[in-house]
Amino acid sequence: MKSHISDLIIGEAGYLIGGVGDNFFVSGNFENYSMMNTQWNTYDAMLAFTSGADTLHELYVAGTDQGALVSGYSNNFSWGYLDIAAGNFLNLNDGNLDVGGAMYVGSITGVDLAGLSVTNVSGNGMNIYYDTANTDNTYLQGLTYELAGGGQLIGVNPAVAPEPVSTALMVIGGLLLGGRIRSTRKTRNQ
């Protein structure tokens, strides 16, 4: 499915679902105020900002900043692909009441770089995380870049980024197993 939209506004109770081959082409602004992070699923879909040269797009980000962790992609308004057409600019805004925010994408194309700075995205203190294992992002070399107006474009390596919940569960499981082994040894020695 290919959707060509001038302005897209998603309210607090709204959400998008898009899979492989679903492309959302936005020629204007995308305002996402959704609070429906568990229903939202665009992990395999593409969000593209398209218009004539020198067009500024406002993008309201609803995702929470979970840092450079793979968990940031789960139930957090992530996109499979983000494309910024040549000559277009993005201005990130906070789309919810939580201070700060982040956008998690599998691949990001159309980023204009000058050294370690992105010149066509203004972060306003918000971050964009990209998957360093995605071959579309090879040009970013897994590096971190500064966004105009504050915020960063940061690589996430899913092969080495630990899941905080999984790590905590492994530690707790290890402690419980260790306690169980000690308890069993005490019982046998008595």
N, C-alpha and C. Protein backbone atom coordinates (compact mmCIF):
# COMPACT_ATOMS: atom_id res chain seq x y z
N MET A 1 0.83 -1.17 0.00
CA MET A 1 0.00 0.00 0.00
C MET A 1 0.89 1.24 0.00
N LYS A 2 0.57 2.17 -0.84
CA LYS A 2 1.27 3.45 -0.88
C LYS A 2 0.26 4.54 -0.58
N SER A 3 0.52 5.30 0.49
CA SER A 3 -0.36 6.39 0.89
C SER A 3 0.36 7.70 0.69
N HIS A 4 -0.21 8.58 -0.10
CA HIS A 4 0.34 9.92 -0.31
C HIS A 4 -0.52 10.90 0.49
N ILE A 5 0.10 11.55 1.45
CA ILE A 5 -0.61 12.38 2.41
C ILE A 5 0.05 13.75 2.46
N SER A 6 -0.76 14.81 2.52
CA SER A 6 -0.14 16.13 2.68
C SER A 6 0.21 16.35 4.16
N ASP A 7 -0.76 16.31 5.04
CA ASP A 7 -0.51 16.43 6.48
C ASP A 7 -1.17 15.25 7.17
N LEU A 8 -0.44 14.63 8.09
CA LEU A 8 -0.95 13.48 8.83
C LEU A 8 -0.95 13.82 10.31
N ILE A 9 -2.13 13.75 10.93
CA ILE A 9 -2.25 14.05 12.36
C ILE A 9 -2.89 12.84 13.03
N ILE A 10 -2.19 12.27 14.00
CA ILE A 10 -2.69 11.12 14.76
C ILE A 10 -2.96 11.60 16.18
N GLY A 11 -4.21 11.47 16.63
CA GLY A 11 -4.60 11.88 17.98
C GLY A 11 -4.16 10.87 19.02
N GLU A 12 -4.43 11.17 20.29
CA GLU A 12 -4.00 10.32 21.41
C GLU A 12 -4.50 8.89 21.31
N ALA A 13 -5.71 8.67 20.80
CA ALA A 13 -6.29 7.33 20.72
C ALA A 13 -6.06 6.68 19.35
N GLY A 14 -5.35 7.36 18.45
CA GLY A 14 -5.11 6.82 17.12
C GLY A 14 -3.82 6.03 17.04
N TYR A 15 -3.71 5.20 16.01
CA TYR A 15 -2.48 4.45 15.78
C TYR A 15 -2.42 4.00 14.32
N LEU A 16 -1.22 3.72 13.87
CA LEU A 16 -1.00 3.23 12.51
C LEU A 16 -0.51 1.79 12.56
N ILE A 17 -0.90 1.04 11.56
CA ILE A 17 -0.38 -0.32 11.37
C ILE A 17 0.08 -0.40 9.92
N GLY A 18 1.31 -0.79 9.72
CA GLY A 18 1.85 -0.93 8.37
C GLY A 18 2.93 -1.99 8.35
N GLY A 19 2.93 -2.79 7.33
CA GLY A 19 3.91 -3.87 7.22
C GLY A 19 4.84 -3.66 6.04
N VAL A 20 5.49 -4.73 5.64
CA VAL A 20 6.41 -4.70 4.51
C VAL A 20 5.66 -4.21 3.27
N GLY A 21 6.22 -3.24 2.58
CA GLY A 21 5.61 -2.70 1.38
C GLY A 21 4.63 -1.57 1.63
N ASP A 22 4.34 -1.26 2.89
CA ASP A 22 3.46 -0.14 3.21
C ASP A 22 4.30 1.12 3.32
N ASN A 23 3.99 2.09 2.49
CA ASN A 23 4.77 3.33 2.40
C ASN A 23 3.86 4.53 2.66
N PHE A 24 4.27 5.36 3.58
CA PHE A 24 3.53 6.58 3.91
C PHE A 24 4.36 7.76 3.42
N PHE A 25 3.92 8.39 2.33
CA PHE A 25 4.61 9.54 1.75
C PHE A 25 3.93 10.81 2.25
N VAL A 26 4.66 11.61 3.02
CA VAL A 26 4.10 12.82 3.62
C VAL A 26 4.76 14.03 2.95
N SER A 27 3.94 14.87 2.32
CA SER A 27 4.49 16.06 1.67
C SER A 27 4.44 17.28 2.58
N GLY A 28 3.72 17.17 3.69
CA GLY A 28 3.62 18.27 4.66
C GLY A 28 4.21 17.87 6.00
N ASN A 29 3.37 17.90 7.03
CA ASN A 29 3.80 17.62 8.39
C ASN A 29 3.18 16.33 8.91
N PHE A 30 3.85 15.71 9.88
CA PHE A 30 3.34 14.51 10.54
C PHE A 30 3.33 14.78 12.03
N GLU A 31 2.12 14.90 12.58
CA GLU A 31 1.96 15.16 14.00
C GLU A 31 1.44 13.90 14.67
N ASN A 32 2.27 13.28 15.49
CA ASN A 32 1.90 12.04 16.17
C ASN A 32 1.76 12.33 17.66
N TYR A 33 0.52 12.34 18.14
CA TYR A 33 0.23 12.54 19.56
C TYR A 33 -0.28 11.25 20.20
N SER A 34 -0.13 10.13 19.52
CA SER A 34 -0.69 8.87 19.96
C SER A 34 -0.13 8.43 21.31
N MET A 35 -1.02 7.85 22.10
CA MET A 35 -0.64 7.22 23.36
C MET A 35 -0.79 5.70 23.23
N MET A 36 -1.01 5.21 22.03
CA MET A 36 -1.32 3.80 21.77
C MET A 36 -0.08 3.04 21.29
N ASN A 37 0.98 3.10 22.06
CA ASN A 37 2.24 2.49 21.64
C ASN A 37 2.15 0.97 21.46
N THR A 38 1.27 0.29 22.20
CA THR A 38 1.20 -1.16 22.05
C THR A 38 0.38 -1.59 20.84
N GLN A 39 -0.50 -0.72 20.34
CA GLN A 39 -1.27 -1.03 19.14
C GLN A 39 -0.53 -0.58 17.87
N TRP A 40 0.30 0.43 18.00
CA TRP A 40 1.03 1.01 16.87
C TRP A 40 2.03 -0.03 16.36
N ASN A 41 2.06 -0.25 15.03
CA ASN A 41 3.04 -1.18 14.47
C ASN A 41 3.43 -0.74 13.06
N THR A 42 4.54 -0.01 12.98
CA THR A 42 5.10 0.40 11.68
C THR A 42 6.56 -0.04 11.58
N TYR A 43 6.90 -1.09 12.31
CA TYR A 43 8.27 -1.58 12.37
C TYR A 43 8.80 -1.98 10.99
N ASP A 44 7.92 -2.40 10.09
CA ASP A 44 8.35 -2.82 8.75
C ASP A 44 7.91 -1.84 7.66
N ALA A 45 7.29 -0.74 8.03
CA ALA A 45 6.76 0.22 7.06
C ALA A 45 7.74 1.37 6.83
N MET A 46 7.49 2.14 5.76
CA MET A 46 8.36 3.28 5.43
C MET A 46 7.60 4.59 5.64
N LEU A 47 8.29 5.55 6.25
CA LEU A 47 7.81 6.92 6.37
C LEU A 47 8.75 7.78 5.54
N ALA A 48 8.19 8.44 4.52
CA ALA A 48 9.01 9.25 3.62
C ALA A 48 8.48 10.67 3.60
N PHE A 49 9.38 11.62 3.74
CA PHE A 49 9.03 13.03 3.64
C PHE A 49 9.43 13.49 2.25
N THR A 50 8.44 13.84 1.45
CA THR A 50 8.66 14.18 0.05
C THR A 50 8.02 15.53 -0.26
N SER A 51 8.69 16.30 -1.02
CA SER A 51 8.15 17.57 -1.49
C SER A 51 9.24 18.24 -2.31
N GLY A 52 8.96 19.47 -2.75
CA GLY A 52 9.97 20.21 -3.50
C GLY A 52 11.14 20.58 -2.61
N ALA A 53 12.22 21.00 -3.23
CA ALA A 53 13.43 21.38 -2.49
C ALA A 53 13.11 22.49 -1.49
N ASP A 54 13.89 22.53 -0.43
CA ASP A 54 13.78 23.54 0.63
C ASP A 54 12.46 23.48 1.39
N THR A 55 11.85 22.29 1.48
CA THR A 55 10.62 22.14 2.25
C THR A 55 10.96 21.70 3.66
N LEU A 56 10.40 22.39 4.65
CA LEU A 56 10.58 22.04 6.06
C LEU A 56 9.36 21.27 6.52
N HIS A 57 9.58 20.07 7.07
CA HIS A 57 8.51 19.22 7.59
C HIS A 57 8.61 19.20 9.11
N GLU A 58 7.47 19.36 9.78
CA GLU A 58 7.40 19.21 11.22
C GLU A 58 7.05 17.76 11.52
N LEU A 59 7.84 17.11 12.37
CA LEU A 59 7.60 15.72 12.76
C LEU A 59 7.48 15.67 14.28
N TYR A 60 6.29 15.32 14.76
CA TYR A 60 6.06 15.19 16.20
C TYR A 60 6.30 13.74 16.59
N VAL A 61 7.26 13.53 17.47
CA VAL A 61 7.73 12.20 17.86
C VAL A 61 7.05 11.79 19.17
N ALA A 62 6.44 10.60 19.20
CA ALA A 62 5.75 10.12 20.40
C ALA A 62 6.55 9.07 21.17
N GLY A 63 7.63 8.55 20.59
CA GLY A 63 8.41 7.49 21.24
C GLY A 63 9.20 8.00 22.43
N THR A 64 9.40 7.12 23.42
CA THR A 64 10.23 7.47 24.57
C THR A 64 11.69 7.14 24.25
N ASP A 65 12.58 7.89 24.84
CA ASP A 65 14.01 7.67 24.61
C ASP A 65 14.50 6.60 25.59
N GLN A 66 14.74 5.41 25.06
CA GLN A 66 15.23 4.29 25.86
C GLN A 66 16.72 4.07 25.66
N GLY A 67 17.37 5.04 25.05
CA GLY A 67 18.80 4.92 24.81
C GLY A 67 19.09 3.98 23.64
N ALA A 68 20.36 3.67 23.47
CA ALA A 68 20.79 2.83 22.35
C ALA A 68 20.57 1.36 22.66
N LEU A 69 19.32 1.00 22.94
CA LEU A 69 18.95 -0.37 23.25
C LEU A 69 17.93 -0.88 22.23
N VAL A 70 18.01 -2.15 21.93
CA VAL A 70 17.07 -2.76 20.99
C VAL A 70 15.64 -2.63 21.52
N SER A 71 15.46 -2.57 22.82
CA SER A 71 14.12 -2.46 23.40
C SER A 71 13.41 -1.18 22.96
N GLY A 72 14.16 -0.17 22.51
CA GLY A 72 13.55 1.06 22.03
C GLY A 72 12.69 0.85 20.80
N TYR A 73 12.88 -0.27 20.10
CA TYR A 73 12.10 -0.56 18.90
C TYR A 73 10.76 -1.25 19.22
N SER A 74 10.62 -1.76 20.42
CA SER A 74 9.43 -2.53 20.77
C SER A 74 8.38 -1.65 21.43
N ASN A 75 7.18 -1.63 20.86
CA ASN A 75 6.06 -0.84 21.40
C ASN A 75 6.45 0.61 21.64
N ASN A 76 7.13 1.21 20.68
CA ASN A 76 7.65 2.57 20.87
C ASN A 76 7.60 3.39 19.59
N PHE A 77 6.58 3.15 18.76
CA PHE A 77 6.35 3.96 17.55
C PHE A 77 7.50 3.90 16.55
N SER A 78 8.22 2.78 16.49
CA SER A 78 9.37 2.68 15.57
C SER A 78 8.91 2.48 14.13
N TRP A 79 9.80 2.82 13.20
CA TRP A 79 9.57 2.67 11.77
C TRP A 79 10.66 1.81 11.16
N GLY A 80 10.32 1.06 10.13
CA GLY A 80 11.31 0.27 9.41
C GLY A 80 12.25 1.16 8.60
N TYR A 81 11.68 2.18 7.96
CA TYR A 81 12.46 3.04 7.07
C TYR A 81 12.01 4.49 7.25
N LEU A 82 12.97 5.38 7.32
CA LEU A 82 12.70 6.81 7.30
C LEU A 82 13.50 7.39 6.15
N ASP A 83 12.81 8.07 5.24
CA ASP A 83 13.46 8.65 4.07
C ASP A 83 13.14 10.14 4.01
N ILE A 84 14.18 10.93 3.84
CA ILE A 84 14.03 12.38 3.68
C ILE A 84 14.45 12.71 2.25
N ALA A 85 13.51 13.21 1.46
CA ALA A 85 13.80 13.53 0.06
C ALA A 85 14.88 14.61 -0.03
N ALA A 86 15.64 14.58 -1.09
CA ALA A 86 16.72 15.55 -1.31
C ALA A 86 16.17 16.98 -1.20
N GLY A 87 16.88 17.81 -0.47
CA GLY A 87 16.49 19.20 -0.30
C GLY A 87 15.43 19.45 0.74
N ASN A 88 14.96 18.37 1.42
CA ASN A 88 13.94 18.51 2.45
C ASN A 88 14.58 18.54 3.83
N PHE A 89 13.87 19.14 4.78
CA PHE A 89 14.36 19.29 6.15
C PHE A 89 13.31 18.77 7.12
N LEU A 90 13.77 18.18 8.24
CA LEU A 90 12.88 17.71 9.30
C LEU A 90 13.15 18.52 10.56
N ASN A 91 12.07 18.90 11.22
CA ASN A 91 12.16 19.56 12.51
C ASN A 91 11.42 18.68 13.51
N LEU A 92 12.16 18.04 14.45
CA LEU A 92 11.55 17.13 15.41
C LEU A 92 10.92 17.91 16.55
N ASN A 93 9.74 17.47 16.96
CA ASN A 93 9.02 18.06 18.08
C ASN A 93 8.55 16.95 19.00
N ASP A 94 8.31 17.27 20.27
CA ASP A 94 7.81 16.30 21.22
C ASP A 94 6.31 16.12 21.01
N GLY A 95 5.88 14.88 20.83
CA GLY A 95 4.48 14.61 20.54
C GLY A 95 3.65 14.18 21.72
N ASN A 96 4.25 14.13 22.92
CA ASN A 96 3.45 13.75 24.09
C ASN A 96 3.86 14.57 25.30
N LEU A 97 3.28 14.26 26.44
CA LEU A 97 3.53 15.04 27.65
C LEU A 97 4.85 14.68 28.35
N ASP A 98 5.44 13.52 28.00
CA ASP A 98 6.73 13.14 28.58
C ASP A 98 7.81 14.05 28.01
N VAL A 99 8.67 14.54 28.89
CA VAL A 99 9.74 15.41 28.44
C VAL A 99 10.76 14.59 27.65
N GLY A 100 11.14 15.09 26.50
CA GLY A 100 12.11 14.39 25.66
C GLY A 100 11.41 13.32 24.84
N GLY A 101 12.10 12.79 23.91
CA GLY A 101 11.54 11.74 23.07
C GLY A 101 12.59 11.24 22.10
N ALA A 102 12.23 10.19 21.39
CA ALA A 102 13.17 9.61 20.43
C ALA A 102 12.40 8.88 19.35
N MET A 103 13.07 8.74 18.23
CA MET A 103 12.53 7.98 17.10
C MET A 103 13.49 6.84 16.81
N TYR A 104 12.96 5.63 16.69
CA TYR A 104 13.76 4.45 16.39
C TYR A 104 13.41 3.99 14.98
N VAL A 105 14.43 3.87 14.11
CA VAL A 105 14.22 3.47 12.73
C VAL A 105 15.19 2.35 12.36
N GLY A 106 14.72 1.47 11.47
CA GLY A 106 15.62 0.43 10.95
C GLY A 106 16.65 1.05 10.04
N SER A 107 16.18 1.83 9.05
CA SER A 107 17.12 2.51 8.17
C SER A 107 16.68 3.96 8.00
N ILE A 108 17.65 4.81 7.77
CA ILE A 108 17.38 6.23 7.54
C ILE A 108 18.19 6.67 6.32
N THR A 109 17.49 7.22 5.34
CA THR A 109 18.16 7.68 4.13
C THR A 109 17.80 9.15 3.89
N GLY A 110 18.67 9.81 3.16
CA GLY A 110 18.45 11.21 2.84
C GLY A 110 19.01 12.18 3.85
N VAL A 111 19.84 11.68 4.75
CA VAL A 111 20.45 12.53 5.77
C VAL A 111 21.63 13.27 5.13
N ASP A 112 21.66 14.59 5.31
CA ASP A 112 22.78 15.39 4.82
C ASP A 112 23.80 15.54 5.94
N LEU A 113 25.04 15.12 5.66
CA LEU A 113 26.10 15.14 6.66
C LEU A 113 27.16 16.17 6.33
N ALA A 114 27.67 16.81 7.39
CA ALA A 114 28.84 17.69 7.30
C ALA A 114 29.72 17.31 8.48
N GLY A 115 30.70 16.46 8.21
CA GLY A 115 31.51 15.93 9.31
C GLY A 115 30.64 15.04 10.18
N LEU A 116 30.58 15.35 11.48
CA LEU A 116 29.75 14.58 12.40
C LEU A 116 28.47 15.32 12.76
N SER A 117 27.99 16.14 11.83
CA SER A 117 26.75 16.89 12.03
C SER A 117 25.76 16.57 10.92
N VAL A 118 24.48 16.52 11.30
CA VAL A 118 23.39 16.35 10.34
C VAL A 118 22.84 17.75 10.08
N THR A 119 22.79 18.15 8.83
CA THR A 119 22.41 19.53 8.51
C THR A 119 20.94 19.69 8.11
N ASN A 120 20.23 18.59 7.85
CA ASN A 120 18.84 18.72 7.42
C ASN A 120 17.83 18.17 8.42
N VAL A 121 18.27 17.90 9.65
CA VAL A 121 17.35 17.47 10.71
C VAL A 121 17.66 18.28 11.96
N SER A 122 16.64 18.95 12.48
CA SER A 122 16.76 19.68 13.74
C SER A 122 16.10 18.83 14.82
N GLY A 123 16.89 18.42 15.80
CA GLY A 123 16.40 17.50 16.82
C GLY A 123 15.68 18.13 17.98
N ASN A 124 15.96 19.40 18.26
CA ASN A 124 15.35 20.07 19.41
C ASN A 124 15.47 19.23 20.69
N GLY A 125 16.63 18.61 20.86
CA GLY A 125 16.90 17.81 22.06
C GLY A 125 16.47 16.37 21.96
N MET A 126 15.82 15.96 20.87
CA MET A 126 15.38 14.57 20.71
C MET A 126 16.36 13.80 19.84
N ASN A 127 16.39 12.50 20.02
CA ASN A 127 17.33 11.63 19.31
C ASN A 127 16.62 10.76 18.28
N ILE A 128 17.38 10.37 17.27
CA ILE A 128 16.95 9.35 16.31
C ILE A 128 17.96 8.22 16.42
N TYR A 129 17.47 6.99 16.60
CA TYR A 129 18.32 5.81 16.68
C TYR A 129 18.15 5.00 15.39
N TYR A 130 19.26 4.54 14.84
CA TYR A 130 19.22 3.74 13.61
C TYR A 130 19.95 2.43 13.84
N ASP A 131 19.58 1.41 13.08
CA ASP A 131 20.13 0.06 13.18
C ASP A 131 21.44 -0.02 12.40
N THR A 132 22.56 -0.19 13.10
CA THR A 132 23.86 -0.24 12.43
C THR A 132 24.03 -1.50 11.59
N ALA A 133 23.24 -2.54 11.84
CA ALA A 133 23.34 -3.78 11.07
C ALA A 133 22.59 -3.69 9.74
N ASN A 134 21.76 -2.67 9.57
CA ASN A 134 21.01 -2.49 8.33
C ASN A 134 21.95 -1.92 7.27
N THR A 135 22.06 -2.60 6.13
CA THR A 135 23.02 -2.19 5.09
C THR A 135 22.68 -0.83 4.49
N ASP A 136 21.43 -0.39 4.58
CA ASP A 136 21.07 0.96 4.09
C ASP A 136 21.79 2.05 4.88
N ASN A 137 22.23 1.70 6.09
CA ASN A 137 22.88 2.69 6.97
C ASN A 137 24.40 2.64 6.91
N THR A 138 24.96 1.89 5.97
CA THR A 138 26.42 1.76 5.87
C THR A 138 27.10 3.11 5.78
N TYR A 139 26.48 4.05 5.07
CA TYR A 139 27.07 5.38 4.89
C TYR A 139 27.25 6.12 6.22
N LEU A 140 26.54 5.71 7.26
CA LEU A 140 26.65 6.36 8.58
C LEU A 140 27.80 5.78 9.41
N GLN A 141 28.34 4.66 8.98
CA GLN A 141 29.52 4.02 9.57
C GLN A 141 29.36 3.69 11.06
N GLY A 142 28.12 3.57 11.53
CA GLY A 142 27.88 3.24 12.93
C GLY A 142 28.20 4.36 13.90
N LEU A 143 28.43 5.56 13.39
CA LEU A 143 28.84 6.70 14.22
C LEU A 143 27.63 7.45 14.78
N THR A 144 27.91 8.33 15.72
CA THR A 144 26.91 9.22 16.29
C THR A 144 27.11 10.60 15.70
N TYR A 145 26.00 11.22 15.30
CA TYR A 145 26.04 12.54 14.67
C TYR A 145 25.19 13.52 15.47
N GLU A 146 25.59 14.77 15.48
CA GLU A 146 24.84 15.82 16.16
C GLU A 146 23.75 16.34 15.24
N LEU A 147 22.53 16.46 15.76
CA LEU A 147 21.44 17.07 15.02
C LEU A 147 21.44 18.56 15.28
N ALA A 148 21.06 19.34 14.29
CA ALA A 148 20.95 20.79 14.48
C ALA A 148 19.94 21.03 15.60
N GLY A 149 20.17 22.02 16.44
CA GLY A 149 19.23 22.36 17.51
C GLY A 149 19.25 21.42 18.69
N GLY A 150 20.21 20.52 18.76
CA GLY A 150 20.32 19.57 19.88
C GLY A 150 19.73 18.22 19.53
N GLY A 151 20.21 17.20 20.18
CA GLY A 151 19.83 15.83 19.90
C GLY A 151 20.87 15.17 19.01
N GLN A 152 20.74 13.85 18.85
CA GLN A 152 21.73 13.10 18.10
C GLN A 152 21.08 12.04 17.22
N LEU A 153 21.82 11.63 16.20
CA LEU A 153 21.53 10.46 15.38
C LEU A 153 22.51 9.40 15.85
N ILE A 154 21.97 8.32 16.45
CA ILE A 154 22.80 7.35 17.18
C ILE A 154 22.57 5.95 16.64
N GLY A 155 23.65 5.22 16.42
CA GLY A 155 23.55 3.84 15.96
C GLY A 155 23.26 2.87 17.08
N VAL A 156 22.42 1.89 16.79
CA VAL A 156 22.10 0.80 17.71
C VAL A 156 22.53 -0.49 17.04
N ASN A 157 23.34 -1.27 17.71
CA ASN A 157 23.77 -2.55 17.16
C ASN A 157 22.99 -3.66 17.85
N PRO A 158 21.98 -4.22 17.18
CA PRO A 158 21.15 -5.23 17.82
C PRO A 158 21.89 -6.49 18.23
N ALA A 159 23.03 -6.74 17.61
CA ALA A 159 23.79 -7.95 17.95
C ALA A 159 24.47 -7.84 19.31
N VAL A 160 24.77 -6.62 19.75
CA VAL A 160 25.48 -6.47 21.02
C VAL A 160 24.70 -5.67 22.05
N ALA A 161 23.62 -5.03 21.66
CA ALA A 161 22.85 -4.23 22.61
C ALA A 161 22.03 -5.15 23.50
N PRO A 162 22.30 -5.16 24.80
CA PRO A 162 21.55 -6.06 25.68
C PRO A 162 20.14 -5.54 25.91
N GLU A 163 19.24 -6.47 26.07
CA GLU A 163 17.88 -6.12 26.45
C GLU A 163 17.88 -5.99 27.97
N PRO A 164 17.53 -4.83 28.52
CA PRO A 164 17.61 -4.65 29.97
C PRO A 164 16.76 -5.63 30.74
N VAL A 165 15.57 -5.95 30.27
CA VAL A 165 14.70 -6.88 30.98
C VAL A 165 15.30 -8.28 30.93
N SER A 166 15.77 -8.70 29.75
CA SER A 166 16.36 -10.04 29.62
C SER A 166 17.59 -10.19 30.49
N THR A 167 18.44 -9.17 30.52
CA THR A 167 19.63 -9.22 31.34
C THR A 167 19.26 -9.32 32.81
N ALA A 168 18.30 -8.53 33.25
CA ALA A 168 17.87 -8.57 34.65
C ALA A 168 17.30 -9.94 34.99
N LEU A 169 16.50 -10.51 34.09
CA LEU A 169 15.92 -11.82 34.34
C LEU A 169 17.00 -12.90 34.43
N MET A 170 18.04 -12.80 33.58
CA MET A 170 19.13 -13.78 33.65
C MET A 170 19.86 -13.67 34.98
N VAL A 171 20.11 -12.46 35.46
CA VAL A 171 20.80 -12.27 36.74
C VAL A 171 19.95 -12.83 37.87
N ILE A 172 18.65 -12.49 37.88
CA ILE A 172 17.75 -12.99 38.92
C ILE A 172 17.67 -14.50 38.86
N GLY A 173 17.55 -15.05 37.64
CA GLY A 173 17.50 -16.50 37.48
C GLY A 173 18.77 -17.17 38.00
N GLY A 174 19.91 -16.56 37.71
CA GLY A 174 21.18 -17.09 38.20
C GLY A 174 21.26 -17.07 39.71
N LEU A 175 20.79 -15.99 40.32
CA LEU A 175 20.79 -15.89 41.78
C LEU A 175 19.86 -16.92 42.39
N LEU A 176 18.67 -17.08 41.81
CA LEU A 176 17.73 -18.07 42.33
C LEU A 176 18.27 -19.48 42.18
N LEU A 177 18.88 -19.77 41.02
CA LEU A 177 19.46 -21.09 40.79
C LEU A 177 20.60 -21.34 41.76
N GLY A 178 21.42 -20.32 41.97
CA GLY A 178 22.53 -20.46 42.93
C GLY A 178 22.02 -20.72 44.33
N GLY A 179 20.97 -20.01 44.72
CA GLY A 179 20.36 -20.22 46.03
C GLY A 179 19.77 -21.61 46.15
N ARG A 180 19.16 -22.10 45.09
CA ARG A 180 18.55 -23.43 45.07
C ARG A 180 19.63 -24.51 45.19
N ILE A 181 20.76 -24.33 44.51
CA ILE A 181 21.85 -25.30 44.59
C ILE A 181 22.40 -25.34 46.01
N ARG A 182 22.62 -24.16 46.63
CA ARG A 182 23.13 -24.12 48.00
C ARG A 182 22.14 -24.79 48.96
N SER A 183 20.85 -24.52 48.77
CA SER A 183 19.82 -25.10 49.63
C SER A 183 19.81 -26.61 49.50
N THR A 184 19.97 -27.12 48.28
CA THR A 184 19.98 -28.56 48.04
C THR A 184 21.21 -29.18 48.70
N ARG A 185 22.38 -28.52 48.62
CA ARG A 185 23.59 -29.04 49.24
C ARG A 185 23.45 -29.11 50.75
N LYS A 186 22.86 -28.07 51.37
CA LYS A 186 22.66 -28.06 52.82
C LYS A 186 21.78 -29.22 53.23
N THR A 187 20.70 -29.46 52.49
CA THR A 187 19.77 -30.53 52.81
C THR A 187 20.45 -31.88 52.71
N ARG A 188 21.27 -32.09 51.72
CA ARG A 188 21.95 -33.39 51.54
C ARG A 188 23.02 -33.60 52.61
N ASN A 189 23.67 -32.55 53.06
CA ASN A 189 24.75 -32.68 54.04
C ASN A 189 24.21 -32.90 55.45
N GLN A 190 22.96 -32.73 55.69
CA GLN A 190 22.42 -32.87 57.06
C GLN A 190 22.09 -34.27 57.41
